[in-house]
Amino acid sequence: MTDPVSDYLTRLRNAIKAKHRVVEVPSSNLKKNISKILLDKGFILGYREEGDGVKKTLKVALKYDALTKQPAIVSLRRVSRPGLRKYAGSAAMPRVLNGLGVAIVSTSKGVMTDKEARVQKVGGEVLCYVY
């Protein structure tokens, strides 16, 4: 696999379309950090790492509206990819849906949202957009 982040986002997208409650993906520190941001922003219910050694998996519980059964995540879009990396400085950090969505950015201070990167005045690689 050449792009684990795209694989992670695609698995989430496919699970949402199939109305699954839980999706299982191979674990990595970057995927855990992205899941933490999604949990903090209310896009998922939770995540848990299971297994031991090389075969660790990340189980992500997806969030749906109780009445309408609509998913909390409307769109997941990969921005930077292995063939074309996208970087942004703190001043040129993208805003998703005028601040309603979240851009997840990998910076020298760790993985964070676009708003946190603007506050800390750091730039980095724009991984994906979520809304």
Protein backbone atom coordinates (compact mmCIF):
# COMPACT_ATOMS: atom_id res chain seq x y z
CA MET A 1 0.00 0.00 0.00
CA THR A 2 1.51 3.31 -1.04
CA ASP A 3 -0.91 5.70 0.69
CA PRO A 4 -2.21 4.53 4.08
CA VAL A 5 -4.11 7.77 4.77
CA SER A 6 -6.12 7.44 1.54
CA ASP A 7 -6.85 3.81 2.45
CA TYR A 8 -8.05 4.93 5.90
CA LEU A 9 -10.33 7.63 4.47
CA THR A 10 -11.69 5.28 1.80
CA ARG A 11 -12.53 2.63 4.38
CA LEU A 12 -14.40 5.24 6.46
CA ARG A 13 -16.22 6.53 3.37
CA ASN A 14 -17.24 3.03 2.27
CA ALA A 15 -18.42 2.09 5.78
CA ILE A 16 -20.55 5.25 5.95
CA LYS A 17 -22.16 4.50 2.58
CA ALA A 18 -22.90 0.93 3.74
CA LYS A 19 -24.32 2.27 7.06
CA HIS A 20 -21.87 0.26 9.18
CA ARG A 21 -21.50 1.14 12.86
CA VAL A 22 -17.83 0.12 13.22
CA VAL A 23 -15.00 0.01 10.70
CA GLU A 24 -11.69 -1.79 11.23
CA VAL A 25 -8.45 -0.43 9.70
CA PRO A 26 -4.75 -1.26 10.13
CA SER A 27 -3.34 0.93 12.90
CA SER A 28 -0.61 3.58 12.76
CA ASN A 29 0.22 6.65 14.81
CA LEU A 30 -0.93 8.99 12.01
CA LYS A 31 -4.30 7.22 11.74
CA LYS A 32 -4.72 7.38 15.53
CA ASN A 33 -4.02 11.13 15.47
CA ILE A 34 -6.54 11.68 12.65
CA SER A 35 -9.10 9.59 14.57
CA LYS A 36 -8.47 11.68 17.70
CA ILE A 37 -9.20 14.87 15.76
CA LEU A 38 -12.37 13.33 14.27
CA LEU A 39 -13.47 12.33 17.79
CA ASP A 40 -12.73 15.79 19.25
CA LYS A 41 -14.70 17.50 16.47
CA GLY A 42 -17.68 15.13 16.88
CA PHE A 43 -17.46 13.28 13.57
CA ILE A 44 -17.06 9.81 15.15
CA LEU A 45 -18.23 8.22 18.41
CA GLY A 46 -14.87 6.72 19.36
CA TYR A 47 -11.91 4.60 18.38
CA ARG A 48 -9.91 1.81 19.99
CA GLU A 49 -6.65 0.07 19.12
CA GLU A 50 -6.75 -3.72 19.32
CA GLY A 51 -4.28 -6.52 18.73
CA ASP A 52 -0.60 -6.77 19.48
CA GLY A 53 2.68 -6.53 17.64
CA VAL A 54 2.54 -5.92 13.90
CA LYS A 55 -1.15 -6.86 13.55
CA LYS A 56 -2.64 -3.91 15.47
CA THR A 57 -5.97 -2.67 14.16
CA LEU A 58 -7.92 0.48 14.83
CA LYS A 59 -11.67 0.09 15.35
CA VAL A 60 -13.55 3.30 14.61
CA ALA A 61 -17.17 3.73 15.75
CA LEU A 62 -19.06 5.89 13.26
CA LYS A 63 -21.61 8.48 14.32
CA TYR A 64 -25.13 8.78 12.90
CA ASP A 65 -28.06 11.06 13.74
CA ALA A 66 -30.58 9.25 15.96
CA LEU A 67 -33.71 10.43 14.13
CA THR A 68 -32.74 10.77 10.47
CA LYS A 69 -29.97 8.12 10.41
CA GLN A 70 -27.74 10.55 8.50
CA PRO A 71 -23.97 10.20 9.07
CA ALA A 72 -22.07 12.92 10.90
CA ILE A 73 -19.42 12.85 8.16
CA VAL A 74 -20.84 14.17 4.90
CA SER A 75 -17.57 14.26 2.98
CA LEU A 76 -13.98 13.04 3.43
CA ARG A 77 -11.56 14.36 0.80
CA ARG A 78 -7.85 13.62 0.54
CA VAL A 79 -5.92 16.77 -0.41
CA SER A 80 -2.23 15.94 -0.32
CA ARG A 81 -1.29 12.68 -1.98
CA PRO A 82 2.01 10.92 -2.71
CA GLY A 83 2.08 12.15 -6.33
CA LEU A 84 1.29 15.76 -5.45
CA ARG A 85 1.94 17.04 -1.94
CA LYS A 86 0.02 20.13 -0.81
CA TYR A 87 1.59 22.39 1.79
CA ALA A 88 0.20 25.57 3.35
CA GLY A 89 1.72 28.21 5.57
CA SER A 90 -0.08 29.49 8.64
CA ALA A 91 -1.33 32.58 6.77
CA ALA A 92 -2.56 30.57 3.76
CA MET A 93 -4.18 27.74 5.73
CA PRO A 94 -7.36 26.59 3.91
CA ARG A 95 -10.81 27.05 5.41
CA VAL A 96 -13.34 24.31 4.75
CA LEU A 97 -16.93 25.49 4.15
CA ASN A 98 -16.11 28.90 5.68
CA GLY A 99 -15.04 27.30 8.96
CA LEU A 100 -17.84 24.73 9.26
CA GLY A 101 -15.59 21.89 8.12
CA VAL A 102 -12.14 20.84 9.27
CA ALA A 103 -8.86 20.62 7.40
CA ILE A 104 -6.48 18.13 9.03
CA VAL A 105 -2.86 19.27 8.80
CA SER A 106 0.38 17.46 9.57
CA THR A 107 2.78 20.01 11.08
CA SER A 108 6.13 19.92 12.83
CA LYS A 109 4.18 20.11 16.12
CA GLY A 110 2.01 17.11 15.27
CA VAL A 111 -1.29 16.49 13.49
CA MET A 112 -3.85 19.24 14.13
CA THR A 113 -6.78 21.09 12.62
CA ASP A 114 -6.45 24.17 10.44
CA LYS A 115 -7.71 26.41 13.24
CA GLU A 116 -5.13 25.11 15.73
CA ALA A 117 -2.38 25.56 13.13
CA ARG A 118 -3.42 29.20 12.58
CA VAL A 119 -3.41 29.86 16.34
CA GLN A 120 0.03 28.25 16.79
CA LYS A 121 1.27 29.98 13.60
CA VAL A 122 2.62 26.81 12.00
CA GLY A 123 2.18 25.48 8.48
CA GLY A 124 2.38 21.97 7.13
CA GLU A 125 1.00 19.34 4.80
CA VAL A 126 -2.77 19.50 4.34
CA LEU A 127 -3.86 15.85 4.65
CA CYS A 128 -7.63 16.00 4.15
CA TYR A 129 -10.87 17.94 4.40
CA VAL A 130 -13.76 16.70 6.56
CA TYR A 131 -17.29 18.10 6.75
